[in-house]
Each structure stands twice: as C-alpha cells, then as structure tokens.
PDB file of N, CA and C in Angstrom:
ATOM      1  N   UNK A   1     164.640-187.545 -93.564  1.00  0.00           N
ATOM      2  CA  UNK A   1     163.466-187.477 -92.763  1.00  0.00           C
ATOM      3  C   UNK A   1     163.320-188.788 -91.992  1.00  0.00           C
ATOM      4  N   UNK A   2     163.134-188.700 -90.710  1.00  0.00           N
ATOM      5  CA  UNK A   2     163.012-189.877 -89.860  1.00  0.00           C
ATOM      6  C   UNK A   2     161.640-190.511 -90.023  1.00  0.00           C
ATOM      7  N   UNK A   3     161.624-191.831 -90.015  1.00  0.00           N
ATOM      8  CA  UNK A   3     160.351-192.552 -90.127  1.00  0.00           C
ATOM      9  C   UNK A   3     159.646-192.580 -88.789  1.00  0.00           C
ATOM     10  N   UNK A   4     158.376-192.405 -88.853  1.00  0.00           N
ATOM     11  CA  UNK A   4     157.580-192.513 -87.639  1.00  0.00           C
ATOM     12  C   UNK A   4     157.130-193.960 -87.495  1.00  0.00           C
ATOM     13  N   UNK A   5     156.891-194.355 -86.306  1.00  0.00           N
ATOM     14  CA  UNK A   5     156.412-195.719 -86.088  1.00  0.00           C
ATOM     15  C   UNK A   5     157.207-196.395 -84.986  1.00  0.00           C
ATOM     16  N   UNK A   6     157.074-197.678 -84.971  1.00  0.00           N
ATOM     17  CA  UNK A   6     157.702-198.422 -83.880  1.00  0.00           C
ATOM     18  C   UNK A   6     159.205-198.544 -84.074  1.00  0.00           C
ATOM     19  N   UNK A   7     159.856-198.696 -82.975  1.00  0.00           N
ATOM     20  CA  UNK A   7     161.301-198.901 -82.997  1.00  0.00           C
ATOM     21  C   UNK A   7     161.574-200.291 -83.569  1.00  0.00           C
ATOM     22  N   UNK A   8     162.484-200.402 -84.478  1.00  0.00           N
ATOM     23  CA  UNK A   8     162.728-201.673 -85.149  1.00  0.00           C
ATOM     24  C   UNK A   8     163.788-202.534 -84.463  1.00  0.00           C
ATOM     25  N   UNK A   9     164.287-202.113 -83.326  1.00  0.00           N
ATOM     26  CA  UNK A   9     165.269-202.952 -82.636  1.00  0.00           C
ATOM     27  C   UNK A   9     164.535-204.117 -81.980  1.00  0.00           C
ATOM     28  N   UNK A  10     165.030-205.333 -82.173  1.00  0.00           N
ATOM     29  CA  UNK A  10     164.345-206.495 -81.606  1.00  0.00           C
ATOM     30  C   UNK A  10     164.464-206.512 -80.090  1.00  0.00           C
ATOM     31  N   UNK A  11     163.415-207.000 -79.469  1.00  0.00           N
ATOM     32  CA  UNK A  11     163.453-207.140 -78.021  1.00  0.00           C
ATOM     33  C   UNK A  11     164.054-208.498 -77.707  1.00  0.00           C
ATOM     34  N   UNK A  12     165.132-208.481 -76.976  1.00  0.00           N
ATOM     35  CA  UNK A  12     165.806-209.715 -76.603  1.00  0.00           C
ATOM     36  C   UNK A  12     165.734-209.849 -75.103  1.00  0.00           C
ATOM     37  N   UNK A  13     165.149-210.945 -74.676  1.00  0.00           N
ATOM     38  CA  UNK A  13     165.093-211.181 -73.244  1.00  0.00           C
ATOM     39  C   UNK A  13     166.396-211.835 -72.822  1.00  0.00           C
ATOM     40  N   UNK A  14     167.004-211.281 -71.803  1.00  0.00           N
ATOM     41  CA  UNK A  14     168.227-211.872 -71.290  1.00  0.00           C
ATOM     42  C   UNK A  14     167.884-213.117 -70.488  1.00  0.00           C
ATOM     43  N   UNK A  15     168.748-214.118 -70.592  1.00  0.00           N
ATOM     44  CA  UNK A  15     168.567-215.326 -69.791  1.00  0.00           C
ATOM     45  C   UNK A  15     168.855-214.980 -68.338  1.00  0.00           C
ATOM     46  N   UNK A  16     168.257-215.714 -67.415  1.00  0.00           N
ATOM     47  CA  UNK A  16     168.550-215.444 -66.011  1.00  0.00           C
ATOM     48  C   UNK A  16     170.048-215.550 -65.752  1.00  0.00           C
ATOM     49  N   UNK A  17     170.543-214.748 -64.827  1.00  0.00           N
ATOM     50  CA  UNK A  17     171.978-214.703 -64.557  1.00  0.00           C
ATOM     51  C   UNK A  17     172.505-216.022 -64.017  1.00  0.00           C
ATOM     52  N   UNK A  18     171.631-216.848 -63.441  1.00  0.00           N
ATOM     53  CA  UNK A  18     172.099-218.105 -62.874  1.00  0.00           C
ATOM     54  C   UNK A  18     171.877-219.292 -63.810  1.00  0.00           C
ATOM     55  N   UNK A  19     171.570-219.048 -65.081  1.00  0.00           N
ATOM     56  CA  UNK A  19     171.350-220.121 -66.053  1.00  0.00           C
ATOM     57  C   UNK A  19     172.307-219.946 -67.229  1.00  0.00           C
ATOM     58  N   UNK A  20     172.685-221.078 -67.842  1.00  0.00           N
ATOM     59  CA  UNK A  20     173.601-221.066 -68.978  1.00  0.00           C
ATOM     60  C   UNK A  20     173.328-222.303 -69.825  1.00  0.00           C
ATOM     61  N   UNK A  21     173.642-222.222 -71.116  1.00  0.00           N
ATOM     62  CA  UNK A  21     173.518-223.392 -71.990  1.00  0.00           C
ATOM     63  C   UNK A  21     174.403-224.516 -71.461  1.00  0.00           C
ATOM     64  N   UNK A  22     173.914-225.738 -71.559  1.00  0.00           N
ATOM     65  CA  UNK A  22     174.642-226.899 -71.058  1.00  0.00           C
ATOM     66  C   UNK A  22     175.999-227.050 -71.726  1.00  0.00           C
ATOM     67  N   UNK A  23     176.070-226.914 -73.049  1.00  0.00           N
ATOM     68  CA  UNK A  23     177.352-227.087 -73.733  1.00  0.00           C
ATOM     69  C   UNK A  23     178.364-226.026 -73.310  1.00  0.00           C
ATOM     70  N   UNK A  24     177.904-224.806 -73.089  1.00  0.00           N
ATOM     71  CA  UNK A  24     178.814-223.744 -72.640  1.00  0.00           C
ATOM     72  C   UNK A  24     179.330-224.032 -71.237  1.00  0.00           C
ATOM     73  N   UNK A  25     178.420-224.473 -70.345  1.00  0.00           N
ATOM     74  CA  UNK A  25     178.833-224.722 -68.968  1.00  0.00           C
ATOM     75  C   UNK A  25     179.854-225.862 -68.905  1.00  0.00           C
ATOM     76  N   UNK A  26     179.624-226.927 -69.674  1.00  0.00           N
ATOM     77  CA  UNK A  26     180.569-228.046 -69.679  1.00  0.00           C
ATOM     78  C   UNK A  26     181.943-227.612 -70.184  1.00  0.00           C
ATOM     79  N   UNK A  27     181.966-226.689 -71.116  1.00  0.00           N
ATOM     80  CA  UNK A  27     183.240-226.156 -71.613  1.00  0.00           C
ATOM     81  C   UNK A  27     183.882-225.242 -70.574  1.00  0.00           C
ATOM     82  N   UNK A  28     183.093-224.342 -69.969  1.00  0.00           N
ATOM     83  CA  UNK A  28     183.621-223.442 -68.944  1.00  0.00           C
ATOM     84  C   UNK A  28     184.166-224.219 -67.756  1.00  0.00           C
ATOM     85  N   UNK A  29     183.496-225.312 -67.387  1.00  0.00           N
ATOM     86  CA  UNK A  29     183.917-226.122 -66.242  1.00  0.00           C
ATOM     87  C   UNK A  29     185.059-227.073 -66.610  1.00  0.00           C
ATOM     88  N   UNK A  30     185.479-227.039 -67.859  1.00  0.00           N
ATOM     89  CA  UNK A  30     186.594-227.834 -68.353  1.00  0.00           C
ATOM     90  C   UNK A  30     186.335-229.336 -68.274  1.00  0.00           C
ATOM     91  N   UNK A  31     185.068-229.725 -68.413  1.00  0.00           N
ATOM     92  CA  UNK A  31     184.726-231.144 -68.487  1.00  0.00           C
ATOM     93  C   UNK A  31     185.113-231.655 -69.872  1.00  0.00           C
ATOM     94  N   UNK A  32     184.860-230.829 -70.893  1.00  0.00           N
ATOM     95  CA  UNK A  32     185.265-231.128 -72.260  1.00  0.00           C
ATOM     96  C   UNK A  32     186.139-229.988 -72.764  1.00  0.00           C
ATOM     97  N   UNK A  33     187.022-230.305 -73.692  1.00  0.00           N
ATOM     98  CA  UNK A  33     187.999-229.322 -74.156  1.00  0.00           C
ATOM     99  C   UNK A  33     187.374-228.185 -74.961  1.00  0.00           C
ATOM    100  N   UNK A  34     186.358-228.494 -75.759  1.00  0.00           N
ATOM    101  CA  UNK A  34     185.710-227.458 -76.567  1.00  0.00           C
ATOM    102  C   UNK A  34     184.194-227.566 -76.448  1.00  0.00           C
ATOM    103  N   UNK A  35     183.532-226.504 -76.822  1.00  0.00           N
ATOM    104  CA  UNK A  35     182.068-226.491 -76.802  1.00  0.00           C
ATOM    105  C   UNK A  35     181.512-227.456 -77.846  1.00  0.00           C
ATOM    106  N   UNK A  36     182.198-227.606 -78.967  1.00  0.00           N
ATOM    107  CA  UNK A  36     181.767-228.530 -80.010  1.00  0.00           C
ATOM    108  C   UNK A  36     181.806-229.968 -79.508  1.00  0.00           C
ATOM    109  N   UNK A  37     182.878-230.334 -78.824  1.00  0.00           N
ATOM    110  CA  UNK A  37     182.986-231.685 -78.266  1.00  0.00           C
ATOM    111  C   UNK A  37     181.888-231.902 -77.230  1.00  0.00           C
ATOM    112  N   UNK A  38     181.628-230.895 -76.410  1.00  0.00           N
ATOM    113  CA  UNK A  38     180.559-230.993 -75.408  1.00  0.00           C
ATOM    114  C   UNK A  38     179.213-231.211 -76.094  1.00  0.00           C
ATOM    115  N   UNK A  39     178.934-230.455 -77.153  1.00  0.00           N
ATOM    116  CA  UNK A  39     177.666-230.581 -77.873  1.00  0.00           C
ATOM    117  C   UNK A  39     177.523-231.969 -78.501  1.00  0.00           C
ATOM    118  N   UNK A  40     178.616-232.503 -79.041  1.00  0.00           N
ATOM    119  CA  UNK A  40     178.578-233.837 -79.638  1.00  0.00           C
ATOM    120  C   UNK A  40     178.289-234.896 -78.583  1.00  0.00           C
ATOM    121  N   UNK A  41     178.920-234.777 -77.422  1.00  0.00           N
ATOM    122  CA  UNK A  41     178.712-235.748 -76.339  1.00  0.00           C
ATOM    123  C   UNK A  41     177.271-235.672 -75.821  1.00  0.00           C
ATOM    124  N   UNK A  42     176.736-234.449 -75.717  1.00  0.00           N
ATOM    125  CA  UNK A  42     175.348-234.272 -75.269  1.00  0.00           C
ATOM    126  C   UNK A  42     174.396-234.923 -76.271  1.00  0.00           C
ATOM    127  N   UNK A  43     174.587-234.640 -77.564  1.00  0.00           N
ATOM    128  CA  UNK A  43     173.714-235.183 -78.608  1.00  0.00           C
ATOM    129  C   UNK A  43     173.781-236.707 -78.664  1.00  0.00           C
ATOM    130  N   UNK A  44     174.924-237.279 -78.285  1.00  0.00           N
ATOM    131  CA  UNK A  44     175.092-238.731 -78.289  1.00  0.00           C
ATOM    132  C   UNK A  44     174.469-239.388 -77.059  1.00  0.00           C
ATOM    133  N   UNK A  45     173.975-238.585 -76.128  1.00  0.00           N
ATOM    134  CA  UNK A  45     173.325-239.134 -74.939  1.00  0.00           C
ATOM    135  C   UNK A  45     174.257-239.366 -73.771  1.00  0.00           C
ATOM    136  N   UNK A  46     175.415-238.740 -73.786  1.00  0.00           N
ATOM    137  CA  UNK A  46     176.400-238.952 -72.728  1.00  0.00           C
ATOM    138  C   UNK A  46     176.273-238.021 -71.543  1.00  0.00           C
ATOM    139  N   UNK A  47     175.174-237.251 -71.457  1.00  0.00           N
ATOM    140  CA  UNK A  47     175.021-236.286 -70.364  1.00  0.00           C
ATOM    141  C   UNK A  47     173.606-236.379 -69.789  1.00  0.00           C
ATOM    142  N   UNK A  48     173.529-236.282 -68.465  1.00  0.00           N
ATOM    143  CA  UNK A  48     172.235-236.256 -67.769  1.00  0.00           C
ATOM    144  C   UNK A  48     172.183-235.012 -66.900  1.00  0.00           C
ATOM    145  N   UNK A  49     170.967-234.486 -66.731  1.00  0.00           N
ATOM    146  CA  UNK A  49     170.747-233.355 -65.829  1.00  0.00           C
ATOM    147  C   UNK A  49     169.735-233.806 -64.793  1.00  0.00           C
ATOM    148  N   UNK A  50     170.134-233.758 -63.543  1.00  0.00           N
ATOM    149  CA  UNK A  50     169.283-234.204 -62.432  1.00  0.00           C
ATOM    150  C   UNK A  50     168.742-235.610 -62.682  1.00  0.00           C
ATOM    151  N   UNK A  51     169.576-236.472 -63.275  1.00  0.00           N
ATOM    152  CA  UNK A  51     169.211-237.863 -63.513  1.00  0.00           C
ATOM    153  C   UNK A  51     168.455-238.127 -64.799  1.00  0.00           C
ATOM    154  N   UNK A  52     167.998-237.088 -65.481  1.00  0.00           N
ATOM    155  CA  UNK A  52     167.237-237.255 -66.724  1.00  0.00           C
ATOM    156  C   UNK A  52     168.161-237.081 -67.930  1.00  0.00           C
ATOM    157  N   UNK A  53     168.071-237.982 -68.917  1.00  0.00           N
ATOM    158  CA  UNK A  53     168.907-237.833 -70.110  1.00  0.00           C
ATOM    159  C   UNK A  53     168.621-236.516 -70.828  1.00  0.00           C
ATOM    160  N   UNK A  54     169.660-235.920 -71.377  1.00  0.00           N
ATOM    161  CA  UNK A  54     169.516-234.663 -72.113  1.00  0.00           C
ATOM    162  C   UNK A  54     170.289-234.789 -73.416  1.00  0.00           C
ATOM    163  N   UNK A  55     169.636-234.509 -74.528  1.00  0.00           N
ATOM    164  CA  UNK A  55     170.291-234.583 -75.836  1.00  0.00           C
ATOM    165  C   UNK A  55     170.316-233.235 -76.541  1.00  0.00           C
ATOM    166  N   UNK A  56     170.010-232.163 -75.809  1.00  0.00           N
ATOM    167  CA  UNK A  56     169.984-230.828 -76.409  1.00  0.00           C
ATOM    168  C   UNK A  56     171.109-229.979 -75.825  1.00  0.00           C
ATOM    169  N   UNK A  57     172.100-229.611 -76.638  1.00  0.00           N
ATOM    170  CA  UNK A  57     173.197-228.777 -76.141  1.00  0.00           C
ATOM    171  C   UNK A  57     172.728-227.427 -75.610  1.00  0.00           C
ATOM    172  N   UNK A  58     171.591-226.936 -76.095  1.00  0.00           N
ATOM    173  CA  UNK A  58     171.076-225.637 -75.672  1.00  0.00           C
ATOM    174  C   UNK A  58     170.239-225.680 -74.409  1.00  0.00           C
ATOM    175  N   UNK A  59     170.092-226.858 -73.812  1.00  0.00           N
ATOM    176  CA  UNK A  59     169.306-226.961 -72.576  1.00  0.00           C
ATOM    177  C   UNK A  59     169.961-226.096 -71.501  1.00  0.00           C
ATOM    178  N   UNK A  60     169.155-225.335 -70.781  1.00  0.00           N
ATOM    179  CA  UNK A  60     169.714-224.465 -69.739  1.00  0.00           C
ATOM    180  C   UNK A  60     169.935-225.235 -68.453  1.00  0.00           C
ATOM    181  N   UNK A  61     171.098-225.029 -67.859  1.00  0.00           N
ATOM    182  CA  UNK A  61     171.362-225.556 -66.526  1.00  0.00           C
ATOM    183  C   UNK A  61     171.396-224.378 -65.570  1.00  0.00           C
ATOM    184  N   UNK A  62     170.929-224.637 -64.353  1.00  0.00           N
ATOM    185  CA  UNK A  62     170.847-223.583 -63.345  1.00  0.00           C
ATOM    186  C   UNK A  62     171.670-223.979 -62.132  1.00  0.00           C
ATOM    187  N   UNK A  63     171.957-223.009 -61.309  1.00  0.00           N
ATOM    188  CA  UNK A  63     172.660-223.264 -60.064  1.00  0.00           C
ATOM    189  C   UNK A  63     171.851-224.282 -59.268  1.00  0.00           C
ATOM    190  N   UNK A  64     172.529-225.314 -58.784  1.00  0.00           N
ATOM    191  CA  UNK A  64     171.881-226.367 -58.012  1.00  0.00           C
ATOM    192  C   UNK A  64     171.613-227.630 -58.811  1.00  0.00           C
ATOM    193  N   UNK A  65     171.624-227.548 -60.155  1.00  0.00           N
ATOM    194  CA  UNK A  65     171.418-228.737 -60.983  1.00  0.00           C
ATOM    195  C   UNK A  65     172.606-229.685 -60.830  1.00  0.00           C
ATOM    196  N   UNK A  66     172.342-230.988 -60.971  1.00  0.00           N
ATOM    197  CA  UNK A  66     173.403-231.990 -60.960  1.00  0.00           C
ATOM    198  C   UNK A  66     173.585-232.477 -62.391  1.00  0.00           C
ATOM    199  N   UNK A  67     174.797-232.306 -62.913  1.00  0.00           N
ATOM    200  CA  UNK A  67     175.128-232.707 -64.279  1.00  0.00           C
ATOM    201  C   UNK A  67     176.031-233.931 -64.194  1.00  0.00           C
ATOM    202  N   UNK A  68     175.627-235.012 -64.852  1.00  0.00           N
ATOM    203  CA  UNK A  68     176.426-236.231 -64.910  1.00  0.00           C
ATOM    204  C   UNK A  68     176.868-236.405 -66.353  1.00  0.00           C
ATOM    205  N   UNK A  69     178.182-236.498 -66.562  1.00  0.00           N
ATOM    206  CA  UNK A  69     178.720-236.559 -67.916  1.00  0.00           C
ATOM    207  C   UNK A  69     179.712-237.701 -68.049  1.00  0.00           C
ATOM    208  N   UNK A  70     179.607-238.431 -69.160  1.00  0.00           N
ATOM    209  CA  UNK A  70     180.587-239.446 -69.505  1.00  0.00           C
ATOM    210  C   UNK A  70     181.722-238.722 -70.216  1.00  0.00           C
ATOM    211  N   UNK A  71     182.716-238.338 -69.448  1.00  0.00           N
ATOM    212  CA  UNK A  71     183.829-237.545 -69.964  1.00  0.00           C
ATOM    213  C   UNK A  71     185.064-238.431 -70.116  1.00  0.00           C
ATOM    214  N   UNK A  72     186.064-237.952 -70.846  1.00  0.00           N
ATOM    215  CA  UNK A  72     187.310-238.707 -70.914  1.00  0.00           C
ATOM    216  C   UNK A  72     187.842-238.922 -69.494  1.00  0.00           C
ATOM    217  N   UNK A  73     188.186-240.147 -69.193  1.00  0.00           N
ATOM    218  CA  UNK A  73     188.686-240.437 -67.855  1.00  0.00           C
ATOM    219  C   UNK A  73     187.614-240.975 -66.926  1.00  0.00           C
ATOM    220  N   UNK A  74     186.371-241.049 -67.371  1.00  0.00           N
ATOM    221  CA  UNK A  74     185.314-241.625 -66.545  1.00  0.00           C
ATOM    222  C   UNK A  74     184.096-240.738 -66.421  1.00  0.00           C
ATOM    223  N   UNK A  75     183.109-241.262 -65.712  1.00  0.00           N
ATOM    224  CA  UNK A  75     181.856-240.536 -65.499  1.00  0.00           C
ATOM    225  C   UNK A  75     182.049-239.559 -64.346  1.00  0.00           C
ATOM    226  N   UNK A  76     181.571-238.329 -64.534  1.00  0.00           N
ATOM    227  CA  UNK A  76     181.686-237.297 -63.499  1.00  0.00           C
ATOM    228  C   UNK A  76     180.308-236.770 -63.150  1.00  0.00           C
ATOM    229  N   UNK A  77     180.046-236.616 -61.851  1.00  0.00           N
ATOM    230  CA  UNK A  77     178.806-236.006 -61.370  1.00  0.00           C
ATOM    231  C   UNK A  77     179.164-234.702 -60.685  1.00  0.00           C
ATOM    232  N   UNK A  78     178.595-233.608 -61.181  1.00  0.00           N
ATOM    233  CA  UNK A  78     178.952-232.276 -60.703  1.00  0.00           C
ATOM    234  C   UNK A  78     177.698-231.480 -60.370  1.00  0.00           C
ATOM    235  N   UNK A  79     177.701-230.786 -59.241  1.00  0.00           N
ATOM    236  CA  UNK A  79     176.606-229.874 -58.889  1.00  0.00           C
ATOM    237  C   UNK A  79     177.016-228.481 -59.346  1.00  0.00           C
ATOM    238  N   UNK A  80     176.153-227.826 -60.103  1.00  0.00           N
ATOM    239  CA  UNK A  80     176.428-226.492 -60.638  1.00  0.00           C
ATOM    240  C   UNK A  80     176.364-225.472 -59.500  1.00  0.00           C
ATOM    241  N   UNK A  81     177.466-224.749 -59.276  1.00  0.00           N
ATOM    242  CA  UNK A  81     177.522-223.696 -58.264  1.00  0.00           C
ATOM    243  C   UNK A  81     177.454-222.309 -58.881  1.00  0.00           C
ATOM    244  N   UNK A  82     177.899-222.198 -60.141  1.00  0.00           N
ATOM    245  CA  UNK A  82     177.925-220.911 -60.828  1.00  0.00           C
ATOM    246  C   UNK A  82     177.918-221.159 -62.332  1.00  0.00           C
ATOM    247  N   UNK A  83     177.295-220.277 -63.111  1.00  0.00           N
ATOM    248  CA  UNK A  83     177.302-220.465 -64.559  1.00  0.00           C
ATOM    249  C   UNK A  83     178.655-220.141 -65.196  1.00  0.00           C
ATOM    250  N   UNK A  84     179.436-219.303 -64.579  1.00  0.00           N
ATOM    251  CA  UNK A  84     180.724-218.934 -65.148  1.00  0.00           C
ATOM    252  C   UNK A  84     180.574-217.926 -66.267  1.00  0.00           C
ATOM    253  N   UNK A  85     181.658-217.265 -66.577  1.00  0.00           N
ATOM    254  CA  UNK A  85     181.639-216.235 -67.618  1.00  0.00           C
ATOM    255  C   UNK A  85     182.539-216.582 -68.797  1.00  0.00           C
ATOM    256  N   UNK A  86     183.514-217.466 -68.558  1.00  0.00           N
ATOM    257  CA  UNK A  86     184.471-217.793 -69.614  1.00  0.00           C
ATOM    258  C   UNK A  86     185.132-219.122 -69.290  1.00  0.00           C
ATOM    259  N   UNK A  87     185.870-219.648 -70.246  1.00  0.00           N
ATOM    260  CA  UNK A  87     186.673-220.841 -70.002  1.00  0.00           C
ATOM    261  C   UNK A  87     188.023-220.346 -69.506  1.00  0.00           C
ATOM    262  N   UNK A  88     188.175-220.341 -68.216  1.00  0.00           N
ATOM    263  CA  UNK A  88     189.394-219.836 -67.616  1.00  0.00           C
ATOM    264  C   UNK A  88     190.309-220.964 -67.189  1.00  0.00           C
ATOM    265  N   UNK A  89     191.275-220.645 -66.339  1.00  0.00           N
ATOM    266  CA  UNK A  89     192.193-221.670 -65.843  1.00  0.00           C
ATOM    267  C   UNK A  89     191.457-222.685 -64.964  1.00  0.00           C
ATOM    268  N   UNK A  90     192.114-223.804 -64.703  1.00  0.00           N
ATOM    269  CA  UNK A  90     191.494-224.884 -63.930  1.00  0.00           C
ATOM    270  C   UNK A  90     191.022-224.414 -62.562  1.00  0.00           C
ATOM    271  N   UNK A  91     191.772-223.534 -61.930  1.00  0.00           N
ATOM    272  CA  UNK A  91     191.374-223.047 -60.603  1.00  0.00           C
ATOM    273  C   UNK A  91     190.053-222.281 -60.679  1.00  0.00           C
ATOM    274  N   UNK A  92     189.849-221.542 -61.745  1.00  0.00           N
ATOM    275  CA  UNK A  92     188.596-220.806 -61.944  1.00  0.00           C
ATOM    276  C   UNK A  92     187.457-221.775 -62.272  1.00  0.00           C
ATOM    277  N   UNK A  93     187.758-222.801 -63.050  1.00  0.00           N
ATOM    278  CA  UNK A  93     186.741-223.782 -63.426  1.00  0.00           C
ATOM    279  C   UNK A  93     186.248-224.561 -62.215  1.00  0.00           C
ATOM    280  N   UNK A  94     187.136-224.888 -61.281  1.00  0.00           N
ATOM    281  CA  UNK A  94     186.741-225.655 -60.093  1.00  0.00           C
ATOM    282  C   UNK A  94     185.747-224.900 -59.225  1.00  0.00           C
ATOM    283  N   UNK A  95     185.708-223.586 -59.335  1.00  0.00           N
ATOM    284  CA  UNK A  95     184.759-222.784 -58.553  1.00  0.00           C
ATOM    285  C   UNK A  95     183.341-222.851 -59.136  1.00  0.00           C
ATOM    286  N   UNK A  96     183.189-223.436 -60.326  1.00  0.00           N
ATOM    287  CA  UNK A  96     181.882-223.501 -60.976  1.00  0.00           C
ATOM    288  C   UNK A  96     181.056-224.699 -60.523  1.00  0.00           C
ATOM    289  N   UNK A  97     181.694-225.676 -59.868  1.00  0.00           N
ATOM    290  CA  UNK A  97     180.976-226.901 -59.520  1.00  0.00           C
ATOM    291  C   UNK A  97     181.481-227.516 -58.225  1.00  0.00           C
ATOM    292  N   UNK A  98     180.641-228.399 -57.683  1.00  0.00           N
ATOM    293  CA  UNK A  98     181.021-229.248 -56.559  1.00  0.00           C
ATOM    294  C   UNK A  98     181.105-230.659 -57.125  1.00  0.00           C
ATOM    295  N   UNK A  99     182.255-231.300 -56.972  1.00  0.00           N
ATOM    296  CA  UNK A  99     182.449-232.649 -57.495  1.00  0.00           C
ATOM    297  C   UNK A  99     181.802-233.638 -56.538  1.00  0.00           C
ATOM    298  N   UNK A 100     180.727-234.272 -56.961  1.00  0.00           N
ATOM    299  CA  UNK A 100     179.995-235.203 -56.108  1.00  0.00           C
ATOM    300  C   UNK A 100     180.656-236.570 -56.048  1.00  0.00           C
ATOM    301  N   UNK A 101     181.644-236.812 -56.905  1.00  0.00           N
ATOM    302  CA  UNK A 101     182.360-238.085 -56.913  1.00  0.00           C
ATOM    303  C   UNK A 101     183.635-238.041 -56.085  1.00  0.00           C
ATOM    304  N   UNK A 102     184.000-236.868 -55.594  1.00  0.00           N
ATOM    305  CA  UNK A 102     185.239-236.730 -54.829  1.00  0.00           C
ATOM    306  C   UNK A 102     185.118-237.516 -53.528  1.00  0.00           C
ATOM    307  N   UNK A 103     186.164-238.244 -53.163  1.00  0.00           N
ATOM    308  CA  UNK A 103     186.108-238.998 -51.907  1.00  0.00           C
ATOM    309  C   UNK A 103     186.101-238.051 -50.715  1.00  0.00           C
ATOM    310  N   UNK A 104     185.341-238.431 -49.694  1.00  0.00           N
ATOM    311  CA  UNK A 104     185.329-237.638 -48.468  1.00  0.00           C
ATOM    312  C   UNK A 104     186.632-237.893 -47.723  1.00  0.00           C
ATOM    313  N   UNK A 105     187.316-236.833 -47.377  1.00  0.00           N
ATOM    314  CA  UNK A 105     188.570-236.961 -46.645  1.00  0.00           C
ATOM    315  C   UNK A 105     188.277-236.962 -45.153  1.00  0.00           C
ATOM    316  N   UNK A 106     188.898-237.862 -44.411  1.00  0.00           N
ATOM    317  CA  UNK A 106     188.671-237.867 -42.962  1.00  0.00           C
ATOM    318  C   UNK A 106     189.247-236.609 -42.334  1.00  0.00           C
ATOM    319  N   UNK A 107     188.655-236.217 -41.220  1.00  0.00           N
ATOM    320  CA  UNK A 107     189.164-235.047 -40.507  1.00  0.00           C
ATOM    321  C   UNK A 107     190.582-235.321 -40.029  1.00  0.00           C
ATOM    322  N   UNK A 108     191.383-234.284 -40.051  1.00  0.00           N
ATOM    323  CA  UNK A 108     192.764-234.415 -39.591  1.00  0.00           C
ATOM    324  C   UNK A 108     192.770-234.671 -38.085  1.00  0.00           C
ATOM    325  N   UNK A 109     193.679-235.522 -37.606  1.00  0.00           N
ATOM    326  CA  UNK A 109     193.743-235.771 -36.167  1.00  0.00           C
ATOM    327  C   UNK A 109     194.069-234.494 -35.412  1.00  0.00           C
ATOM    328  N   UNK A 110     193.394-234.317 -34.300  1.00  0.00           N
ATOM    329  CA  UNK A 110     193.647-233.139 -33.474  1.00  0.00           C
ATOM    330  C   UNK A 110     192.941-231.899 -33.963  1.00  0.00           C
ATOM    331  N   UNK A 111     192.101-232.018 -34.969  1.00  0.00           N
ATOM    332  CA  UNK A 111     191.410-230.836 -35.499  1.00  0.00           C
ATOM    333  C   UNK A 111     190.103-230.604 -34.803  1.00  0.00           C
TER     334      UNK A 111
END
C-alpha cells in the first residue's frame, strides 16, 4: 500500500550554469593538477577572486570573475570565460579563461 503524503525526494536547487566551485574550476583550467591541491592552495590563502582573498574551496566563481592564483611556476591572473564541464586536454582548458598576464603581441607588419 502506497503512503499518502508529501514526496520524500529532496529538492535540490541547481547552481547557475555560469557558476562553479573555485577548486573545481582551477582543476578544470589546469592551474593545479588535482582538485585536492587546488583546495589546499585556496585554504592556504594562495588564491584571490576579483582582488579579494578567498580561503573557501567551495566559493563560486562566475563568468567574468578574475582569479589570481599562486601556482607552480608563478602567479597567474585569469579571467573566467566558462565554467567548464571536465578536466580535459590543455587546448580545452585554455578556452575556459583569458590569461591576463600574457604579453600583448604587436600586430604583424602589413596586417
């Protein structure tokens, strides 16, 4: 006999499609090798979002946010272009951000 009453399935609100946990995004963008390493670096104070220190790996980053991370090889400043879906190859990861530290290349002569 079926029970009457409310449905017992929990209501889960989906996060906005353009937002993702900071530790996941840093892993997807290949700034850090694993999500655990990303979370440790965030908790240690090695990451800023829009210039403000962030120590919570679960902090949501959105498209347009600027993430500055003290990563192996130096400090990187990246503008979030996409949350990404997985940790894919480097070519896929580069589509997730705009590197704000990249040197501006002069226009080619005759262009």
